[in-house]
N, C-alpha and C. Protein backbone atom coordinates (compact mmCIF):
# COMPACT_ATOMS: atom_id res chain seq x y z
N MET A 1 10.47 15.61 -50.46
CA MET A 1 10.40 16.01 -49.08
C MET A 1 10.09 14.79 -48.21
N GLY A 2 10.83 13.77 -48.36
CA GLY A 2 10.60 12.56 -47.58
C GLY A 2 11.23 12.67 -46.20
N ILE A 3 10.51 12.18 -45.26
CA ILE A 3 11.01 12.17 -43.89
C ILE A 3 11.77 10.88 -43.68
N SER A 4 12.97 11.01 -43.19
CA SER A 4 13.78 9.82 -43.00
C SER A 4 13.33 9.06 -41.75
N LEU A 5 13.61 7.80 -41.73
CA LEU A 5 13.28 6.96 -40.59
C LEU A 5 14.01 7.44 -39.34
N TRP A 6 15.21 7.92 -39.52
CA TRP A 6 16.00 8.42 -38.39
C TRP A 6 15.33 9.63 -37.75
N THR A 7 14.80 10.53 -38.55
CA THR A 7 14.12 11.72 -38.03
C THR A 7 12.89 11.33 -37.22
N VAL A 8 12.12 10.39 -37.72
CA VAL A 8 10.93 9.91 -37.00
C VAL A 8 11.35 9.26 -35.68
N ALA A 9 12.40 8.44 -35.72
CA ALA A 9 12.87 7.77 -34.51
C ALA A 9 13.33 8.77 -33.46
N VAL A 10 14.06 9.81 -33.88
CA VAL A 10 14.54 10.82 -32.95
C VAL A 10 13.36 11.57 -32.33
N GLN A 11 12.36 11.92 -33.15
CA GLN A 11 11.20 12.65 -32.63
C GLN A 11 10.40 11.79 -31.66
N LEU A 12 10.20 10.52 -31.97
CA LEU A 12 9.49 9.62 -31.05
C LEU A 12 10.26 9.46 -29.75
N HIS A 13 11.56 9.37 -29.88
CA HIS A 13 12.45 9.25 -28.73
C HIS A 13 12.30 10.47 -27.82
N THR A 14 12.22 11.65 -28.42
CA THR A 14 12.10 12.90 -27.68
C THR A 14 10.76 12.99 -26.96
N ILE A 15 9.71 12.49 -27.57
CA ILE A 15 8.37 12.52 -26.97
C ILE A 15 8.21 11.40 -25.94
N ALA A 16 8.76 10.23 -26.20
CA ALA A 16 8.59 9.07 -25.32
C ALA A 16 9.23 9.29 -23.96
N GLY A 17 10.36 9.97 -23.93
CA GLY A 17 11.06 10.18 -22.66
C GLY A 17 10.21 10.87 -21.61
N PRO A 18 9.74 12.08 -21.87
CA PRO A 18 8.92 12.76 -20.86
C PRO A 18 7.62 12.02 -20.53
N ILE A 19 7.02 11.37 -21.53
CA ILE A 19 5.79 10.63 -21.26
C ILE A 19 6.08 9.45 -20.34
N LEU A 20 7.13 8.70 -20.64
CA LEU A 20 7.47 7.52 -19.85
C LEU A 20 8.02 7.89 -18.47
N MET A 21 8.81 8.95 -18.40
CA MET A 21 9.46 9.31 -17.14
C MET A 21 8.62 10.18 -16.23
N LEU A 22 7.71 10.99 -16.80
CA LEU A 22 6.99 11.95 -15.98
C LEU A 22 5.47 11.86 -16.08
N VAL A 23 4.93 11.87 -17.28
CA VAL A 23 3.47 11.95 -17.44
C VAL A 23 2.78 10.69 -16.91
N TYR A 24 3.20 9.52 -17.37
CA TYR A 24 2.57 8.29 -16.90
C TYR A 24 2.79 8.07 -15.41
N PRO A 25 4.01 8.23 -14.88
CA PRO A 25 4.18 8.07 -13.43
C PRO A 25 3.35 9.07 -12.60
N LEU A 26 3.19 10.29 -13.11
CA LEU A 26 2.36 11.27 -12.42
C LEU A 26 0.93 10.79 -12.35
N TYR A 27 0.39 10.35 -13.47
CA TYR A 27 -0.97 9.83 -13.53
C TYR A 27 -1.13 8.61 -12.61
N ALA A 28 -0.20 7.67 -12.70
CA ALA A 28 -0.27 6.45 -11.89
C ALA A 28 -0.12 6.77 -10.40
N SER A 29 0.67 7.77 -10.06
CA SER A 29 0.82 8.17 -8.65
C SER A 29 -0.47 8.74 -8.10
N ILE A 30 -1.15 9.53 -8.89
CA ILE A 30 -2.44 10.09 -8.46
C ILE A 30 -3.44 8.96 -8.25
N MET A 31 -3.46 8.00 -9.17
CA MET A 31 -4.36 6.85 -9.02
C MET A 31 -4.00 6.03 -7.78
N ALA A 32 -2.71 5.92 -7.48
CA ALA A 32 -2.27 5.17 -6.30
C ALA A 32 -2.71 5.87 -5.01
N ILE A 33 -2.65 7.19 -5.01
CA ILE A 33 -3.10 7.94 -3.84
C ILE A 33 -4.58 7.67 -3.58
N GLU A 34 -5.35 7.59 -4.64
CA GLU A 34 -6.79 7.39 -4.52
C GLU A 34 -7.18 5.94 -4.24
N SER A 35 -6.28 5.00 -4.46
CA SER A 35 -6.63 3.59 -4.24
C SER A 35 -6.40 3.21 -2.78
N PRO A 36 -7.11 2.19 -2.30
CA PRO A 36 -6.95 1.78 -0.91
C PRO A 36 -5.77 0.82 -0.68
N PHE A 37 -5.04 0.46 -1.72
CA PHE A 37 -4.00 -0.55 -1.60
C PHE A 37 -2.64 0.08 -1.37
N LYS A 38 -1.82 -0.57 -0.55
CA LYS A 38 -0.49 -0.07 -0.21
C LYS A 38 0.53 -0.40 -1.29
N GLU A 39 0.34 -1.49 -2.01
CA GLU A 39 1.34 -1.95 -2.98
C GLU A 39 1.62 -0.90 -4.05
N ASP A 40 0.57 -0.28 -4.57
CA ASP A 40 0.79 0.72 -5.61
C ASP A 40 1.44 1.98 -5.04
N ASP A 41 1.16 2.29 -3.79
CA ASP A 41 1.84 3.42 -3.15
C ASP A 41 3.34 3.16 -3.07
N THR A 42 3.69 1.95 -2.67
CA THR A 42 5.10 1.57 -2.58
C THR A 42 5.76 1.66 -3.95
N GLN A 43 5.08 1.15 -4.97
CA GLN A 43 5.63 1.19 -6.34
C GLN A 43 5.95 2.62 -6.75
N TRP A 44 5.02 3.53 -6.55
CA TRP A 44 5.21 4.88 -7.08
C TRP A 44 6.07 5.75 -6.18
N LEU A 45 5.99 5.59 -4.88
CA LEU A 45 6.93 6.33 -4.02
C LEU A 45 8.37 5.90 -4.30
N THR A 46 8.56 4.59 -4.45
CA THR A 46 9.89 4.09 -4.76
C THR A 46 10.35 4.59 -6.12
N TYR A 47 9.44 4.61 -7.10
CA TYR A 47 9.80 5.11 -8.42
C TYR A 47 10.32 6.55 -8.32
N TRP A 48 9.59 7.40 -7.61
CA TRP A 48 9.98 8.81 -7.55
C TRP A 48 11.31 8.98 -6.84
N VAL A 49 11.58 8.19 -5.82
CA VAL A 49 12.87 8.25 -5.14
C VAL A 49 13.97 7.82 -6.09
N LEU A 50 13.78 6.68 -6.77
CA LEU A 50 14.80 6.19 -7.71
C LEU A 50 15.00 7.16 -8.87
N TYR A 51 13.90 7.71 -9.39
CA TYR A 51 14.00 8.68 -10.48
C TYR A 51 14.79 9.90 -10.03
N SER A 52 14.55 10.37 -8.80
CA SER A 52 15.29 11.53 -8.28
C SER A 52 16.77 11.22 -8.15
N VAL A 53 17.10 10.06 -7.59
CA VAL A 53 18.50 9.67 -7.46
C VAL A 53 19.15 9.55 -8.83
N PHE A 54 18.44 8.91 -9.75
CA PHE A 54 18.93 8.75 -11.12
C PHE A 54 19.19 10.11 -11.77
N SER A 55 18.24 11.04 -11.60
CA SER A 55 18.38 12.37 -12.19
C SER A 55 19.53 13.16 -11.57
N LEU A 56 19.67 13.07 -10.26
CA LEU A 56 20.78 13.77 -9.60
C LEU A 56 22.13 13.20 -10.03
N ALA A 57 22.21 11.88 -10.12
CA ALA A 57 23.45 11.26 -10.59
C ALA A 57 23.74 11.68 -12.03
N GLU A 58 22.71 11.73 -12.83
CA GLU A 58 22.88 12.14 -14.23
C GLU A 58 23.37 13.59 -14.32
N LEU A 59 22.85 14.46 -13.47
CA LEU A 59 23.33 15.85 -13.46
C LEU A 59 24.80 15.93 -13.07
N GLY A 60 25.18 15.15 -12.09
CA GLY A 60 26.56 15.17 -11.63
C GLY A 60 27.55 14.59 -12.62
N PHE A 61 27.12 13.57 -13.34
CA PHE A 61 28.02 12.88 -14.27
C PHE A 61 27.72 13.22 -15.73
N ASP A 62 27.01 14.31 -15.96
CA ASP A 62 26.63 14.68 -17.33
C ASP A 62 27.81 14.80 -18.29
N PRO A 63 28.93 15.41 -17.89
CA PRO A 63 30.05 15.50 -18.83
C PRO A 63 30.55 14.12 -19.30
N ILE A 64 30.50 13.14 -18.42
CA ILE A 64 30.94 11.80 -18.79
C ILE A 64 29.86 11.08 -19.60
N LEU A 65 28.61 11.19 -19.14
CA LEU A 65 27.51 10.49 -19.80
C LEU A 65 27.25 10.98 -21.22
N SER A 66 27.57 12.24 -21.47
CA SER A 66 27.34 12.76 -22.83
C SER A 66 28.23 12.07 -23.86
N TRP A 67 29.30 11.46 -23.42
CA TRP A 67 30.19 10.75 -24.33
C TRP A 67 29.76 9.30 -24.57
N ILE A 68 28.83 8.81 -23.79
CA ILE A 68 28.39 7.42 -23.95
C ILE A 68 27.34 7.36 -25.05
N PRO A 69 27.60 6.60 -26.10
CA PRO A 69 26.60 6.50 -27.17
C PRO A 69 25.32 5.83 -26.65
N MET A 70 24.22 6.33 -27.09
CA MET A 70 22.90 5.78 -26.78
C MET A 70 22.59 5.83 -25.28
N TRP A 71 23.17 6.77 -24.56
CA TRP A 71 22.90 6.91 -23.13
C TRP A 71 21.42 7.14 -22.88
N TYR A 72 20.81 8.04 -23.64
CA TYR A 72 19.41 8.37 -23.43
C TYR A 72 18.53 7.15 -23.66
N THR A 73 18.87 6.33 -24.64
CA THR A 73 18.11 5.11 -24.90
C THR A 73 18.25 4.14 -23.73
N PHE A 74 19.45 3.99 -23.22
CA PHE A 74 19.67 3.13 -22.06
C PHE A 74 18.87 3.64 -20.86
N LYS A 75 18.85 4.95 -20.65
CA LYS A 75 18.10 5.56 -19.56
C LYS A 75 16.61 5.28 -19.73
N LEU A 76 16.09 5.42 -20.94
CA LEU A 76 14.68 5.13 -21.20
C LEU A 76 14.34 3.67 -20.90
N ILE A 77 15.22 2.77 -21.26
CA ILE A 77 14.98 1.35 -20.98
C ILE A 77 14.94 1.12 -19.47
N CYS A 78 15.86 1.70 -18.74
CA CYS A 78 15.88 1.53 -17.28
C CYS A 78 14.63 2.13 -16.64
N ILE A 79 14.26 3.32 -17.06
CA ILE A 79 13.07 3.97 -16.51
C ILE A 79 11.83 3.16 -16.89
N GLY A 80 11.79 2.65 -18.12
CA GLY A 80 10.67 1.81 -18.54
C GLY A 80 10.52 0.60 -17.64
N TRP A 81 11.64 -0.03 -17.29
CA TRP A 81 11.59 -1.19 -16.40
C TRP A 81 11.05 -0.80 -15.02
N LEU A 82 11.43 0.38 -14.54
CA LEU A 82 10.92 0.85 -13.24
C LEU A 82 9.44 1.17 -13.29
N VAL A 83 8.96 1.71 -14.41
CA VAL A 83 7.62 2.27 -14.51
C VAL A 83 6.55 1.28 -14.95
N LEU A 84 6.83 0.53 -15.99
CA LEU A 84 5.78 -0.26 -16.63
C LEU A 84 5.20 -1.31 -15.69
N PRO A 85 3.86 -1.41 -15.66
CA PRO A 85 3.21 -2.34 -14.74
C PRO A 85 3.55 -3.80 -15.01
N GLN A 86 3.97 -4.13 -16.22
CA GLN A 86 4.35 -5.50 -16.53
C GLN A 86 5.60 -5.92 -15.75
N PHE A 87 6.47 -4.96 -15.46
CA PHE A 87 7.74 -5.26 -14.80
C PHE A 87 7.74 -4.86 -13.32
N ARG A 88 7.11 -3.74 -12.98
CA ARG A 88 7.08 -3.21 -11.61
C ARG A 88 8.49 -3.17 -11.01
N GLY A 89 9.41 -2.62 -11.76
CA GLY A 89 10.81 -2.58 -11.36
C GLY A 89 11.05 -1.81 -10.08
N ALA A 90 10.34 -0.71 -9.88
CA ALA A 90 10.54 0.08 -8.66
C ALA A 90 10.16 -0.75 -7.43
N ALA A 91 9.05 -1.47 -7.50
CA ALA A 91 8.65 -2.34 -6.38
C ALA A 91 9.67 -3.44 -6.17
N TYR A 92 10.23 -3.97 -7.25
CA TYR A 92 11.27 -5.01 -7.15
C TYR A 92 12.49 -4.46 -6.42
N VAL A 93 12.92 -3.28 -6.78
CA VAL A 93 14.09 -2.67 -6.13
C VAL A 93 13.80 -2.46 -4.65
N TYR A 94 12.59 -1.98 -4.34
CA TYR A 94 12.24 -1.76 -2.94
C TYR A 94 12.23 -3.07 -2.16
N ASP A 95 11.56 -4.08 -2.70
CA ASP A 95 11.43 -5.36 -2.01
C ASP A 95 12.77 -6.07 -1.83
N ASN A 96 13.65 -5.98 -2.80
CA ASN A 96 14.89 -6.74 -2.76
C ASN A 96 16.11 -6.00 -2.24
N TYR A 97 16.05 -4.68 -2.17
CA TYR A 97 17.22 -3.92 -1.72
C TYR A 97 16.90 -2.97 -0.58
N VAL A 98 15.93 -2.08 -0.78
CA VAL A 98 15.64 -1.05 0.23
C VAL A 98 15.07 -1.68 1.50
N ARG A 99 14.12 -2.58 1.36
CA ARG A 99 13.47 -3.18 2.53
C ARG A 99 14.46 -3.91 3.43
N LYS A 100 15.52 -4.47 2.85
CA LYS A 100 16.52 -5.19 3.66
C LYS A 100 17.14 -4.28 4.70
N TYR A 101 17.31 -3.00 4.35
CA TYR A 101 17.98 -2.08 5.25
C TYR A 101 17.00 -1.27 6.10
N VAL A 102 15.94 -0.80 5.49
CA VAL A 102 14.96 0.02 6.20
C VAL A 102 13.93 -0.84 6.91
N GLY A 103 13.43 -1.84 6.24
CA GLY A 103 12.36 -2.67 6.79
C GLY A 103 12.77 -3.47 7.99
N ALA A 104 14.04 -3.81 8.12
CA ALA A 104 14.49 -4.63 9.24
C ALA A 104 14.26 -3.90 10.56
N THR A 105 14.55 -2.63 10.61
CA THR A 105 14.36 -1.86 11.83
C THR A 105 12.88 -1.77 12.19
N ALA A 106 12.03 -1.49 11.21
CA ALA A 106 10.60 -1.39 11.46
C ALA A 106 10.03 -2.72 11.92
N ALA A 107 10.48 -3.82 11.32
CA ALA A 107 9.99 -5.14 11.71
C ALA A 107 10.44 -5.49 13.12
N GLN A 108 11.67 -5.12 13.49
CA GLN A 108 12.15 -5.38 14.84
C GLN A 108 11.33 -4.62 15.87
N VAL A 109 11.02 -3.36 15.55
CA VAL A 109 10.22 -2.55 16.47
C VAL A 109 8.82 -3.13 16.56
N ASP A 110 8.20 -3.48 15.43
CA ASP A 110 6.85 -3.99 15.42
C ASP A 110 6.73 -5.30 16.18
N ALA A 111 7.74 -6.15 16.13
CA ALA A 111 7.70 -7.43 16.83
C ALA A 111 7.71 -7.24 18.34
N ARG A 112 8.19 -6.11 18.82
CA ARG A 112 8.29 -5.86 20.26
C ARG A 112 7.06 -5.17 20.82
N LEU A 113 6.07 -4.82 20.00
CA LEU A 113 4.92 -4.06 20.46
C LEU A 113 3.80 -4.96 20.95
N THR A 114 3.06 -4.46 21.91
CA THR A 114 1.86 -5.15 22.39
C THR A 114 0.70 -4.79 21.46
N PRO A 115 -0.40 -5.54 21.51
CA PRO A 115 -1.57 -5.19 20.69
C PRO A 115 -2.10 -3.78 20.98
N GLU A 116 -2.06 -3.37 22.24
CA GLU A 116 -2.52 -2.02 22.59
C GLU A 116 -1.64 -0.96 21.94
N GLN A 117 -0.33 -1.19 21.97
CA GLN A 117 0.59 -0.24 21.35
C GLN A 117 0.37 -0.18 19.84
N ARG A 118 0.15 -1.33 19.21
CA ARG A 118 -0.15 -1.34 17.77
C ARG A 118 -1.43 -0.58 17.47
N HIS A 119 -2.41 -0.71 18.37
CA HIS A 119 -3.69 0.00 18.20
C HIS A 119 -3.46 1.52 18.18
N TYR A 120 -2.67 2.02 19.14
CA TYR A 120 -2.39 3.45 19.18
C TYR A 120 -1.62 3.90 17.94
N LEU A 121 -0.66 3.10 17.52
CA LEU A 121 0.12 3.44 16.34
C LEU A 121 -0.74 3.49 15.09
N SER A 122 -1.72 2.61 14.99
CA SER A 122 -2.56 2.57 13.79
C SER A 122 -3.39 3.84 13.63
N LYS A 123 -3.59 4.58 14.71
CA LYS A 123 -4.38 5.82 14.65
C LYS A 123 -3.54 7.05 14.34
N MET A 124 -2.22 6.87 14.21
CA MET A 124 -1.32 8.00 13.98
C MET A 124 -1.03 8.20 12.50
N SER A 125 -0.60 9.39 12.18
CA SER A 125 -0.16 9.68 10.82
C SER A 125 1.14 8.93 10.54
N PRO A 126 1.48 8.71 9.27
CA PRO A 126 2.74 8.01 8.96
C PRO A 126 3.97 8.70 9.56
N GLU A 127 3.99 10.03 9.57
CA GLU A 127 5.13 10.75 10.13
C GLU A 127 5.24 10.48 11.63
N SER A 128 4.10 10.49 12.32
CA SER A 128 4.10 10.23 13.75
C SER A 128 4.54 8.80 14.03
N ARG A 129 4.05 7.85 13.23
CA ARG A 129 4.44 6.46 13.41
C ARG A 129 5.95 6.29 13.27
N ASN A 130 6.53 6.97 12.28
CA ASN A 130 7.98 6.88 12.09
C ASN A 130 8.73 7.43 13.30
N SER A 131 8.23 8.55 13.84
CA SER A 131 8.86 9.13 15.02
C SER A 131 8.75 8.20 16.22
N VAL A 132 7.57 7.60 16.40
CA VAL A 132 7.37 6.68 17.52
C VAL A 132 8.23 5.43 17.33
N ALA A 133 8.30 4.91 16.10
CA ALA A 133 9.14 3.73 15.84
C ALA A 133 10.59 4.04 16.19
N GLN A 134 11.06 5.23 15.84
CA GLN A 134 12.44 5.62 16.18
C GLN A 134 12.60 5.72 17.69
N PHE A 135 11.59 6.30 18.36
CA PHE A 135 11.63 6.41 19.83
C PHE A 135 11.69 5.03 20.47
N ILE A 136 10.85 4.10 20.00
CA ILE A 136 10.84 2.75 20.55
C ILE A 136 12.16 2.05 20.28
N HIS A 137 12.70 2.26 19.10
CA HIS A 137 13.98 1.64 18.76
C HIS A 137 15.08 2.12 19.71
N GLU A 138 15.04 3.40 20.06
CA GLU A 138 16.08 3.97 20.91
C GLU A 138 15.83 3.70 22.40
N ASN A 139 14.54 3.70 22.83
CA ASN A 139 14.23 3.64 24.26
C ASN A 139 13.51 2.37 24.71
N GLY A 140 13.07 1.57 23.76
CA GLY A 140 12.37 0.33 24.11
C GLY A 140 10.87 0.52 24.21
N PRO A 141 10.12 -0.57 24.08
CA PRO A 141 8.66 -0.48 24.12
C PRO A 141 8.13 -0.10 25.50
N GLU A 142 8.91 -0.35 26.54
CA GLU A 142 8.45 -0.01 27.89
C GLU A 142 8.29 1.51 28.03
N ALA A 143 9.21 2.26 27.47
CA ALA A 143 9.12 3.72 27.52
C ALA A 143 7.88 4.21 26.77
N PHE A 144 7.59 3.59 25.64
CA PHE A 144 6.39 3.95 24.87
C PHE A 144 5.15 3.60 25.68
N ASP A 145 5.15 2.47 26.37
CA ASP A 145 4.02 2.05 27.18
C ASP A 145 3.77 3.05 28.31
N LYS A 146 4.85 3.57 28.92
CA LYS A 146 4.70 4.57 29.98
C LYS A 146 4.05 5.83 29.44
N ILE A 147 4.43 6.23 28.24
CA ILE A 147 3.84 7.43 27.64
C ILE A 147 2.35 7.21 27.39
N ILE A 148 2.00 6.04 26.87
CA ILE A 148 0.58 5.74 26.61
C ILE A 148 -0.21 5.74 27.91
N GLN A 149 0.33 5.12 28.96
CA GLN A 149 -0.36 5.08 30.26
C GLN A 149 -0.54 6.48 30.83
N THR A 150 0.50 7.30 30.73
CA THR A 150 0.42 8.67 31.23
C THR A 150 -0.63 9.46 30.45
N ALA A 151 -0.64 9.30 29.15
CA ALA A 151 -1.61 10.02 28.32
C ALA A 151 -3.03 9.55 28.60
N THR A 152 -3.19 8.26 28.86
CA THR A 152 -4.51 7.70 29.13
C THR A 152 -5.04 8.20 30.47
N VAL A 153 -4.16 8.27 31.47
CA VAL A 153 -4.59 8.67 32.81
C VAL A 153 -4.81 10.18 32.89
N THR A 154 -3.88 10.98 32.34
CA THR A 154 -3.97 12.44 32.49
C THR A 154 -4.48 13.15 31.27
N GLY A 155 -4.64 12.44 30.19
CA GLY A 155 -5.02 13.09 28.94
C GLY A 155 -6.48 13.53 28.93
N ARG A 156 -6.74 14.56 28.16
CA ARG A 156 -8.09 15.06 27.99
C ARG A 156 -8.48 14.88 26.54
N THR A 157 -9.73 14.62 26.31
CA THR A 157 -10.25 14.60 24.95
C THR A 157 -11.33 15.64 24.85
N VAL A 158 -11.52 16.20 23.70
CA VAL A 158 -12.53 17.21 23.48
C VAL A 158 -13.61 16.59 22.62
N LYS A 159 -14.85 16.67 23.10
CA LYS A 159 -15.98 16.08 22.39
C LYS A 159 -16.93 17.20 21.99
N PRO A 160 -17.23 17.33 20.68
CA PRO A 160 -18.18 18.37 20.28
C PRO A 160 -19.61 18.01 20.70
N THR A 161 -20.36 19.00 21.13
CA THR A 161 -21.77 18.79 21.49
C THR A 161 -22.62 19.14 20.28
N PRO A 162 -23.90 18.72 20.29
CA PRO A 162 -24.76 19.00 19.12
C PRO A 162 -24.92 20.48 18.79
N ASN A 163 -24.81 21.37 19.78
CA ASN A 163 -24.99 22.79 19.50
C ASN A 163 -23.70 23.48 19.07
N GLY A 164 -22.62 22.71 18.83
CA GLY A 164 -21.39 23.27 18.30
C GLY A 164 -20.35 23.62 19.33
N GLU A 165 -20.73 23.60 20.63
CA GLU A 165 -19.77 23.89 21.68
C GLU A 165 -18.92 22.65 21.92
N THR A 166 -17.84 22.83 22.65
CA THR A 166 -16.99 21.69 22.97
C THR A 166 -17.10 21.36 24.44
N GLN A 167 -17.01 20.10 24.74
CA GLN A 167 -17.06 19.63 26.12
C GLN A 167 -15.80 18.83 26.37
N GLU A 168 -15.04 19.21 27.40
CA GLU A 168 -13.82 18.49 27.72
C GLU A 168 -14.15 17.29 28.58
N ARG A 169 -13.49 16.20 28.25
CA ARG A 169 -13.65 14.97 29.03
C ARG A 169 -12.29 14.59 29.57
N TYR A 170 -12.26 14.10 30.79
CA TYR A 170 -11.00 13.72 31.43
C TYR A 170 -10.91 12.24 31.52
């Protein structure tokens, strides 16, 4: 009742795939969320985007890919390059390909902002910042400055008092 080397290799291959593609990235993504550094967030967000694209492409081309010998092994090697901290492949793809197209617009918008505008943007959620960056890209920083001035002059803030009531300030 000897177990062949091929059987062991196939079983390890079957276990390694989900661990390398899902379990470790899930764990590392949670750790990235909890860390104060942006670099690991970029690594794991990019990984999940690339993994999703890879998986969708694989679903679409499955009839063709099933005929390619060792396809799953090739996929594991590619995913390993994206995932493993020694290689940081997802960050490499982001820095060398994605940033060229997406980052250029954000950098152009950021270069046109005043320090006051950057201050307001730093207090916004990422989704709001993206919307404002798109607005500035389309309408210019002057339009954003007018909105900030209008909000500053006519805006109200609500300040809680020690007894739990709210006090409006103009």
